[in-house]
Amino acid sequence: MCNDYRLETDIASIVEDFSDLKIKIKVPEGTPNVAAREDIKITEVAPIVRTVDGDRGAGELVNRRWSWPSPTGKPVYNFISENREFSSGRCLILADGFYEFTDPLPGQKRKTKWLFTLKDHDWFCIAGIWRTDPKVGEAFTMLTMKPGEDVAPYHDRQIVPLTRHQWADWLDPAVPAHKVLRALPKGSLPVVRVYPPAPAQADLL
């Protein structure tokens, strides 16, 4: 499952895109200082937009830790979405790509790394939830579901990328989760091989 993602889009452009969708972004802690990052890893801090209670047309932009510890101490960085409604604690995780890993190619020792992006958009949101943990404070995790056709050749689960018309719905806990958390149509998530470096035309599975 996804344990690495990318965000190289600047925050100003992100806020502008939310504004174009009539979603007002509040910054209760000031605008996060976010540098372009090719790899965001578990336990690192990254920007999310979370629900503002009682205001469907708004979201709070804050920096939070990715994952909270489970009872065994392992990080909860992915969370199964099936048969859950998530009536509170919803958030949008800002990204412009996410990675999956498959077995090493012949002659390689490291796993093969693949980058997925969203077709026709520079960046997108991943469906998530956040909570307060007594050990680490407020933290978020990515929701997962059965893979769509684009991800199925690479993994038996996938995170939930959301298109722009879904963002306001996910921030509104009154909208049932199952109406938002769906796999995108085939061809929505282009993929390229990152490691080992791919030739000009990416080798796909």
C-alpha atoms as a PDB file:
ATOM      1  CA  MET A   1       0.000   0.000   0.000  1.00  0.00           C
ATOM      2  CA  CYS A   2       1.038   3.589  -0.433  1.00  0.00           C
ATOM      3  CA  ASN A   3       3.914   4.575   1.858  1.00  0.00           C
ATOM      4  CA  ASP A   4       5.396   7.357  -0.266  1.00  0.00           C
ATOM      5  CA  TYR A   5       3.879  10.238  -2.213  1.00  0.00           C
ATOM      6  CA  ARG A   6       4.881  13.501  -3.891  1.00  0.00           C
ATOM      7  CA  LEU A   7       3.939  17.176  -3.649  1.00  0.00           C
ATOM      8  CA  GLU A   8       5.886  19.638  -5.769  1.00  0.00           C
ATOM      9  CA  THR A   9       3.018  22.072  -6.464  1.00  0.00           C
ATOM     10  CA  ASP A  10       3.275  25.369  -4.574  1.00  0.00           C
ATOM     11  CA  ILE A  11       0.730  26.219  -1.892  1.00  0.00           C
ATOM     12  CA  ALA A  12      -0.351  29.466  -3.593  1.00  0.00           C
ATOM     13  CA  SER A  13      -1.481  27.544  -6.677  1.00  0.00           C
ATOM     14  CA  ILE A  14      -3.293  25.023  -4.500  1.00  0.00           C
ATOM     15  CA  VAL A  15      -5.214  27.713  -2.614  1.00  0.00           C
ATOM     16  CA  GLU A  16      -6.129  29.384  -5.906  1.00  0.00           C
ATOM     17  CA  ASP A  17      -7.511  26.121  -7.279  1.00  0.00           C
ATOM     18  CA  PHE A  18      -9.673  25.660  -4.182  1.00  0.00           C
ATOM     19  CA  SER A  19     -10.929  29.213  -4.622  1.00  0.00           C
ATOM     20  CA  ASP A  20     -11.899  28.470  -8.227  1.00  0.00           C
ATOM     21  CA  LEU A  21     -14.082  25.663  -6.844  1.00  0.00           C
ATOM     22  CA  LYS A  22     -15.725  28.062  -4.353  1.00  0.00           C
ATOM     23  CA  ILE A  23     -14.053  26.270  -1.425  1.00  0.00           C
ATOM     24  CA  LYS A  24     -12.760  28.853   1.039  1.00  0.00           C
ATOM     25  CA  ILE A  25      -9.442  27.871   2.570  1.00  0.00           C
ATOM     26  CA  LYS A  26      -8.799  28.990   6.128  1.00  0.00           C
ATOM     27  CA  VAL A  27      -5.283  29.017   7.586  1.00  0.00           C
ATOM     28  CA  PRO A  28      -5.751  29.076  11.369  1.00  0.00           C
ATOM     29  CA  GLU A  29      -2.040  28.447  11.938  1.00  0.00           C
ATOM     30  CA  GLY A  30      -0.783  30.623   9.092  1.00  0.00           C
ATOM     31  CA  THR A  31      -0.031  29.462   5.569  1.00  0.00           C
ATOM     32  CA  PRO A  32       2.130  26.325   5.820  1.00  0.00           C
ATOM     33  CA  ASN A  33       5.707  26.738   4.653  1.00  0.00           C
ATOM     34  CA  VAL A  34       5.885  23.806   2.248  1.00  0.00           C
ATOM     35  CA  ALA A  35       8.901  23.111   0.047  1.00  0.00           C
ATOM     36  CA  ALA A  36       8.581  20.983  -3.093  1.00  0.00           C
ATOM     37  CA  ARG A  37       9.074  17.356  -2.095  1.00  0.00           C
ATOM     38  CA  GLU A  38       9.621  14.428  -4.416  1.00  0.00           C
ATOM     39  CA  ASP A  39       9.110  11.951  -1.578  1.00  0.00           C
ATOM     40  CA  ILE A  40       6.907  12.370   1.493  1.00  0.00           C
ATOM     41  CA  LYS A  41       7.406   9.439   3.844  1.00  0.00           C
ATOM     42  CA  ILE A  42       5.504   7.957   6.772  1.00  0.00           C
ATOM     43  CA  THR A  43       5.786  10.022  10.024  1.00  0.00           C
ATOM     44  CA  GLU A  44       6.775  13.171   8.111  1.00  0.00           C
ATOM     45  CA  VAL A  45       4.717  16.365   8.290  1.00  0.00           C
ATOM     46  CA  ALA A  46       2.742  17.408   5.211  1.00  0.00           C
ATOM     47  CA  PRO A  47      -0.219  19.693   4.326  1.00  0.00           C
ATOM     48  CA  ILE A  48      -3.843  18.600   4.513  1.00  0.00           C
ATOM     49  CA  VAL A  49      -7.172  20.399   4.168  1.00  0.00           C
ATOM     50  CA  ARG A  50      -9.656  19.268   6.795  1.00  0.00           C
ATOM     51  CA  THR A  51     -13.357  19.747   7.370  1.00  0.00           C
ATOM     52  CA  VAL A  52     -14.564  22.934   9.031  1.00  0.00           C
ATOM     53  CA  ASP A  53     -17.524  21.990  11.209  1.00  0.00           C
ATOM     54  CA  GLY A  54     -20.759  23.517   9.978  1.00  0.00           C
ATOM     55  CA  ASP A  55     -19.275  25.035   6.818  1.00  0.00           C
ATOM     56  CA  ARG A  56     -19.463  22.888   3.685  1.00  0.00           C
ATOM     57  CA  GLY A  57     -17.830  25.567   1.587  1.00  0.00           C
ATOM     58  CA  ALA A  58     -14.630  25.777   3.615  1.00  0.00           C
ATOM     59  CA  GLY A  59     -11.596  23.815   4.717  1.00  0.00           C
ATOM     60  CA  GLU A  60      -8.667  24.334   7.086  1.00  0.00           C
ATOM     61  CA  LEU A  61      -5.174  24.110   5.608  1.00  0.00           C
ATOM     62  CA  VAL A  62      -2.712  22.799   8.197  1.00  0.00           C
ATOM     63  CA  ASN A  63       0.516  20.808   8.377  1.00  0.00           C
ATOM     64  CA  ARG A  64       0.194  17.469  10.165  1.00  0.00           C
ATOM     65  CA  ARG A  65       2.093  14.226  10.671  1.00  0.00           C
ATOM     66  CA  TRP A  66       1.412  11.322   8.338  1.00  0.00           C
ATOM     67  CA  SER A  67       0.409   8.324  10.511  1.00  0.00           C
ATOM     68  CA  TRP A  68      -0.312   7.724  14.148  1.00  0.00           C
ATOM     69  CA  PRO A  69       0.946   4.699  16.113  1.00  0.00           C
ATOM     70  CA  SER A  70      -1.218   1.592  16.386  1.00  0.00           C
ATOM     71  CA  PRO A  71      -1.528  -0.282  19.708  1.00  0.00           C
ATOM     72  CA  THR A  72       1.496  -2.345  18.624  1.00  0.00           C
ATOM     73  CA  GLY A  73       3.482   0.781  17.769  1.00  0.00           C
ATOM     74  CA  LYS A  74       3.368   0.293  14.009  1.00  0.00           C
ATOM     75  CA  PRO A  75       2.368   3.420  12.040  1.00  0.00           C
ATOM     76  CA  VAL A  76      -1.201   3.635  10.770  1.00  0.00           C
ATOM     77  CA  TYR A  77      -0.497   5.269   7.424  1.00  0.00           C
ATOM     78  CA  ASN A  78      -3.261   3.525   5.442  1.00  0.00           C
ATOM     79  CA  PHE A  79      -6.800   2.818   6.669  1.00  0.00           C
ATOM     80  CA  ILE A  80      -9.430   0.515   5.124  1.00  0.00           C
ATOM     81  CA  SER A  81     -12.427   2.486   3.877  1.00  0.00           C
ATOM     82  CA  GLU A  82     -14.937  -0.232   3.073  1.00  0.00           C
ATOM     83  CA  ASN A  83     -18.149  -0.279   5.157  1.00  0.00           C
ATOM     84  CA  ARG A  84     -17.218   2.864   7.084  1.00  0.00           C
ATOM     85  CA  GLU A  85     -18.914   6.246   6.942  1.00  0.00           C
ATOM     86  CA  PHE A  86     -16.331   8.589   8.511  1.00  0.00           C
ATOM     87  CA  SER A  87     -18.846  10.990  10.004  1.00  0.00           C
ATOM     88  CA  SER A  88     -16.020  13.096  11.425  1.00  0.00           C
ATOM     89  CA  GLY A  89     -12.322  13.717  10.911  1.00  0.00           C
ATOM     90  CA  ARG A  90     -12.320  13.833   7.111  1.00  0.00           C
ATOM     91  CA  CYS A  91      -9.451  15.511   5.285  1.00  0.00           C
ATOM     92  CA  LEU A  92      -7.936  15.995   1.848  1.00  0.00           C
ATOM     93  CA  ILE A  93      -4.274  15.084   1.490  1.00  0.00           C
ATOM     94  CA  LEU A  94      -2.550  17.312  -1.066  1.00  0.00           C
ATOM     95  CA  ALA A  95      -0.459  15.481  -3.660  1.00  0.00           C
ATOM     96  CA  ASP A  96       0.652  15.545  -7.264  1.00  0.00           C
ATOM     97  CA  GLY A  97       1.687  11.896  -7.392  1.00  0.00           C
ATOM     98  CA  PHE A  98       1.859   8.697  -5.373  1.00  0.00           C
ATOM     99  CA  TYR A  99       4.126   5.681  -5.561  1.00  0.00           C
ATOM    100  CA  GLU A 100       3.668   1.927  -5.593  1.00  0.00           C
ATOM    101  CA  PHE A 101       6.400  -0.698  -5.475  1.00  0.00           C
ATOM    102  CA  THR A 102       6.675  -4.091  -7.175  1.00  0.00           C
ATOM    103  CA  ASP A 103       9.267  -6.870  -7.107  1.00  0.00           C
ATOM    104  CA  PRO A 104      12.761  -6.005  -8.369  1.00  0.00           C
ATOM    105  CA  LEU A 105      13.342  -6.310 -12.099  1.00  0.00           C
ATOM    106  CA  PRO A 106      15.869  -8.918 -13.263  1.00  0.00           C
ATOM    107  CA  GLY A 107      19.362  -7.857 -12.239  1.00  0.00           C
ATOM    108  CA  GLN A 108      18.078  -5.353  -9.659  1.00  0.00           C
ATOM    109  CA  LYS A 109      18.133  -5.607  -5.859  1.00  0.00           C
ATOM    110  CA  ARG A 110      15.754  -2.772  -5.003  1.00  0.00           C
ATOM    111  CA  LYS A 111      12.035  -2.919  -5.601  1.00  0.00           C
ATOM    112  CA  THR A 112      10.683  -1.297  -8.759  1.00  0.00           C
ATOM    113  CA  LYS A 113       9.174   2.125  -8.036  1.00  0.00           C
ATOM    114  CA  TRP A 114       6.173   3.437 -10.004  1.00  0.00           C
ATOM    115  CA  LEU A 115       4.725   6.951  -9.996  1.00  0.00           C
ATOM    116  CA  PHE A 116       0.986   7.511 -10.509  1.00  0.00           C
ATOM    117  CA  THR A 117      -0.401  10.949 -11.379  1.00  0.00           C
ATOM    118  CA  LEU A 118      -3.893  12.214 -12.219  1.00  0.00           C
ATOM    119  CA  LYS A 119      -4.629  12.688 -15.908  1.00  0.00           C
ATOM    120  CA  ASP A 120      -5.153  16.305 -17.043  1.00  0.00           C
ATOM    121  CA  HIS A 121      -4.411  17.811 -13.601  1.00  0.00           C
ATOM    122  CA  ASP A 122      -1.173  19.130 -12.116  1.00  0.00           C
ATOM    123  CA  TRP A 123      -2.158  18.024  -8.632  1.00  0.00           C
ATOM    124  CA  PHE A 124      -5.019  16.330  -6.785  1.00  0.00           C
ATOM    125  CA  CYS A 125      -6.265  15.268  -3.352  1.00  0.00           C
ATOM    126  CA  ILE A 126      -6.199  11.884  -1.647  1.00  0.00           C
ATOM    127  CA  ALA A 127      -9.085  10.985   0.679  1.00  0.00           C
ATOM    128  CA  GLY A 128      -7.932  10.813   4.276  1.00  0.00           C
ATOM    129  CA  ILE A 129      -8.950  11.087   7.892  1.00  0.00           C
ATOM    130  CA  TRP A 130      -7.220  12.683  10.856  1.00  0.00           C
ATOM    131  CA  ARG A 131      -7.350  12.195  14.594  1.00  0.00           C
ATOM    132  CA  THR A 132      -5.635  13.263  17.782  1.00  0.00           C
ATOM    133  CA  ASP A 133      -3.283  10.678  19.246  1.00  0.00           C
ATOM    134  CA  PRO A 134      -2.011  11.003  22.822  1.00  0.00           C
ATOM    135  CA  LYS A 135       1.549  10.220  21.729  1.00  0.00           C
ATOM    136  CA  VAL A 136       2.009  12.223  18.540  1.00  0.00           C
ATOM    137  CA  GLY A 137      -0.833  14.762  18.576  1.00  0.00           C
ATOM    138  CA  GLU A 138      -2.913  15.379  15.468  1.00  0.00           C
ATOM    139  CA  ALA A 139      -2.062  13.102  12.549  1.00  0.00           C
ATOM    140  CA  PHE A 140      -3.601  11.872   9.300  1.00  0.00           C
ATOM    141  CA  THR A 141      -3.815   8.654   7.335  1.00  0.00           C
ATOM    142  CA  MET A 142      -4.786   7.726   3.763  1.00  0.00           C
ATOM    143  CA  LEU A 143      -7.929   5.729   3.057  1.00  0.00           C
ATOM    144  CA  THR A 144      -7.651   2.628   0.889  1.00  0.00           C
ATOM    145  CA  MET A 145      -9.984   0.513  -1.213  1.00  0.00           C
ATOM    146  CA  LYS A 146      -9.890  -2.304  -3.748  1.00  0.00           C
ATOM    147  CA  PRO A 147      -7.764  -1.238  -6.726  1.00  0.00           C
ATOM    148  CA  GLY A 148      -9.194   0.210  -9.893  1.00  0.00           C
ATOM    149  CA  GLU A 149      -8.027  -0.959 -13.298  1.00  0.00           C
ATOM    150  CA  ASP A 150      -5.031   1.406 -13.373  1.00  0.00           C
ATOM    151  CA  VAL A 151      -3.552   0.247 -10.057  1.00  0.00           C
ATOM    152  CA  ALA A 152      -4.583  -3.435 -10.017  1.00  0.00           C
ATOM    153  CA  PRO A 153      -1.513  -4.634 -12.003  1.00  0.00           C
ATOM    154  CA  TYR A 154       0.737  -3.086  -9.342  1.00  0.00           C
ATOM    155  CA  HIS A 155      -1.021  -3.701  -6.011  1.00  0.00           C
ATOM    156  CA  ASP A 156      -4.058  -5.445  -4.498  1.00  0.00           C
ATOM    157  CA  ARG A 157      -5.147  -2.251  -2.673  1.00  0.00           C
ATOM    158  CA  GLN A 158      -4.978   1.419  -3.539  1.00  0.00           C
ATOM    159  CA  ILE A 159      -5.428   4.826  -1.972  1.00  0.00           C
ATOM    160  CA  VAL A 160      -8.373   6.986  -3.085  1.00  0.00           C
ATOM    161  CA  PRO A 161      -7.458   9.891  -5.397  1.00  0.00           C
ATOM    162  CA  LEU A 162     -10.300  12.388  -5.673  1.00  0.00           C
ATOM    163  CA  THR A 163     -11.122  14.518  -8.689  1.00  0.00           C
ATOM    164  CA  ARG A 164     -11.937  18.180  -8.132  1.00  0.00           C
ATOM    165  CA  HIS A 165     -15.703  17.809  -8.163  1.00  0.00           C
ATOM    166  CA  GLN A 166     -15.375  15.361  -5.225  1.00  0.00           C
ATOM    167  CA  TRP A 167     -13.421  17.596  -2.842  1.00  0.00           C
ATOM    168  CA  ALA A 168     -16.334  19.532  -1.360  1.00  0.00           C
ATOM    169  CA  ASP A 169     -18.293  16.299  -0.915  1.00  0.00           C
ATOM    170  CA  TRP A 170     -15.475  14.637   1.012  1.00  0.00           C
ATOM    171  CA  LEU A 171     -15.141  17.664   3.281  1.00  0.00           C
ATOM    172  CA  ASP A 172     -18.886  17.413   4.027  1.00  0.00           C
ATOM    173  CA  PRO A 173     -19.545  14.564   6.502  1.00  0.00           C
ATOM    174  CA  ALA A 174     -23.224  14.660   5.552  1.00  0.00           C
ATOM    175  CA  VAL A 175     -22.323  13.139   2.173  1.00  0.00           C
ATOM    176  CA  PRO A 176     -22.135   9.336   2.531  1.00  0.00           C
ATOM    177  CA  ALA A 177     -18.599   8.042   2.164  1.00  0.00           C
ATOM    178  CA  HIS A 178     -19.547   5.356  -0.361  1.00  0.00           C
ATOM    179  CA  LYS A 179     -20.755   8.049  -2.769  1.00  0.00           C
ATOM    180  CA  VAL A 180     -17.272   9.609  -2.828  1.00  0.00           C
ATOM    181  CA  LEU A 181     -14.812   6.754  -2.316  1.00  0.00           C
ATOM    182  CA  ARG A 182     -14.790   5.073  -5.690  1.00  0.00           C
ATOM    183  CA  ALA A 183     -12.105   3.939  -8.098  1.00  0.00           C
ATOM    184  CA  LEU A 184     -11.576   6.266 -11.042  1.00  0.00           C
ATOM    185  CA  PRO A 185     -12.212   5.086 -14.616  1.00  0.00           C
ATOM    186  CA  LYS A 186      -9.468   3.249 -16.466  1.00  0.00           C
ATOM    187  CA  GLY A 187      -6.875   5.654 -17.848  1.00  0.00           C
ATOM    188  CA  SER A 188      -7.338   8.254 -15.101  1.00  0.00           C
ATOM    189  CA  LEU A 189      -4.040   7.470 -13.364  1.00  0.00           C
ATOM    190  CA  PRO A 190      -1.086   7.470 -15.787  1.00  0.00           C
ATOM    191  CA  VAL A 191       1.931   5.568 -14.464  1.00  0.00           C
ATOM    192  CA  VAL A 192       5.657   5.769 -15.189  1.00  0.00           C
ATOM    193  CA  ARG A 193       8.583   3.805 -13.841  1.00  0.00           C
ATOM    194  CA  VAL A 194      10.795   5.848 -11.530  1.00  0.00           C
ATOM    195  CA  TYR A 195      13.296   3.174 -10.461  1.00  0.00           C
ATOM    196  CA  PRO A 196      15.157   1.746 -12.204  1.00  0.00           C
ATOM    197  CA  PRO A 197      15.061   4.791 -14.507  1.00  0.00           C
ATOM    198  CA  ALA A 198      12.728   4.075 -17.399  1.00  0.00           C
ATOM    199  CA  PRO A 199      13.562   4.635 -21.074  1.00  0.00           C
ATOM    200  CA  ALA A 200      11.822   7.377 -23.017  1.00  0.00           C
ATOM    201  CA  GLN A 201       8.642   5.281 -23.177  1.00  0.00           C
ATOM    202  CA  ALA A 202       7.976   3.828 -19.729  1.00  0.00           C
ATOM    203  CA  ASP A 203       7.909   0.055 -19.445  1.00  0.00           C
ATOM    204  CA  LEU A 204       4.473  -0.792 -18.050  1.00  0.00           C
ATOM    205  CA  LEU A 205       3.472  -4.074 -16.460  1.00  0.00           C
END
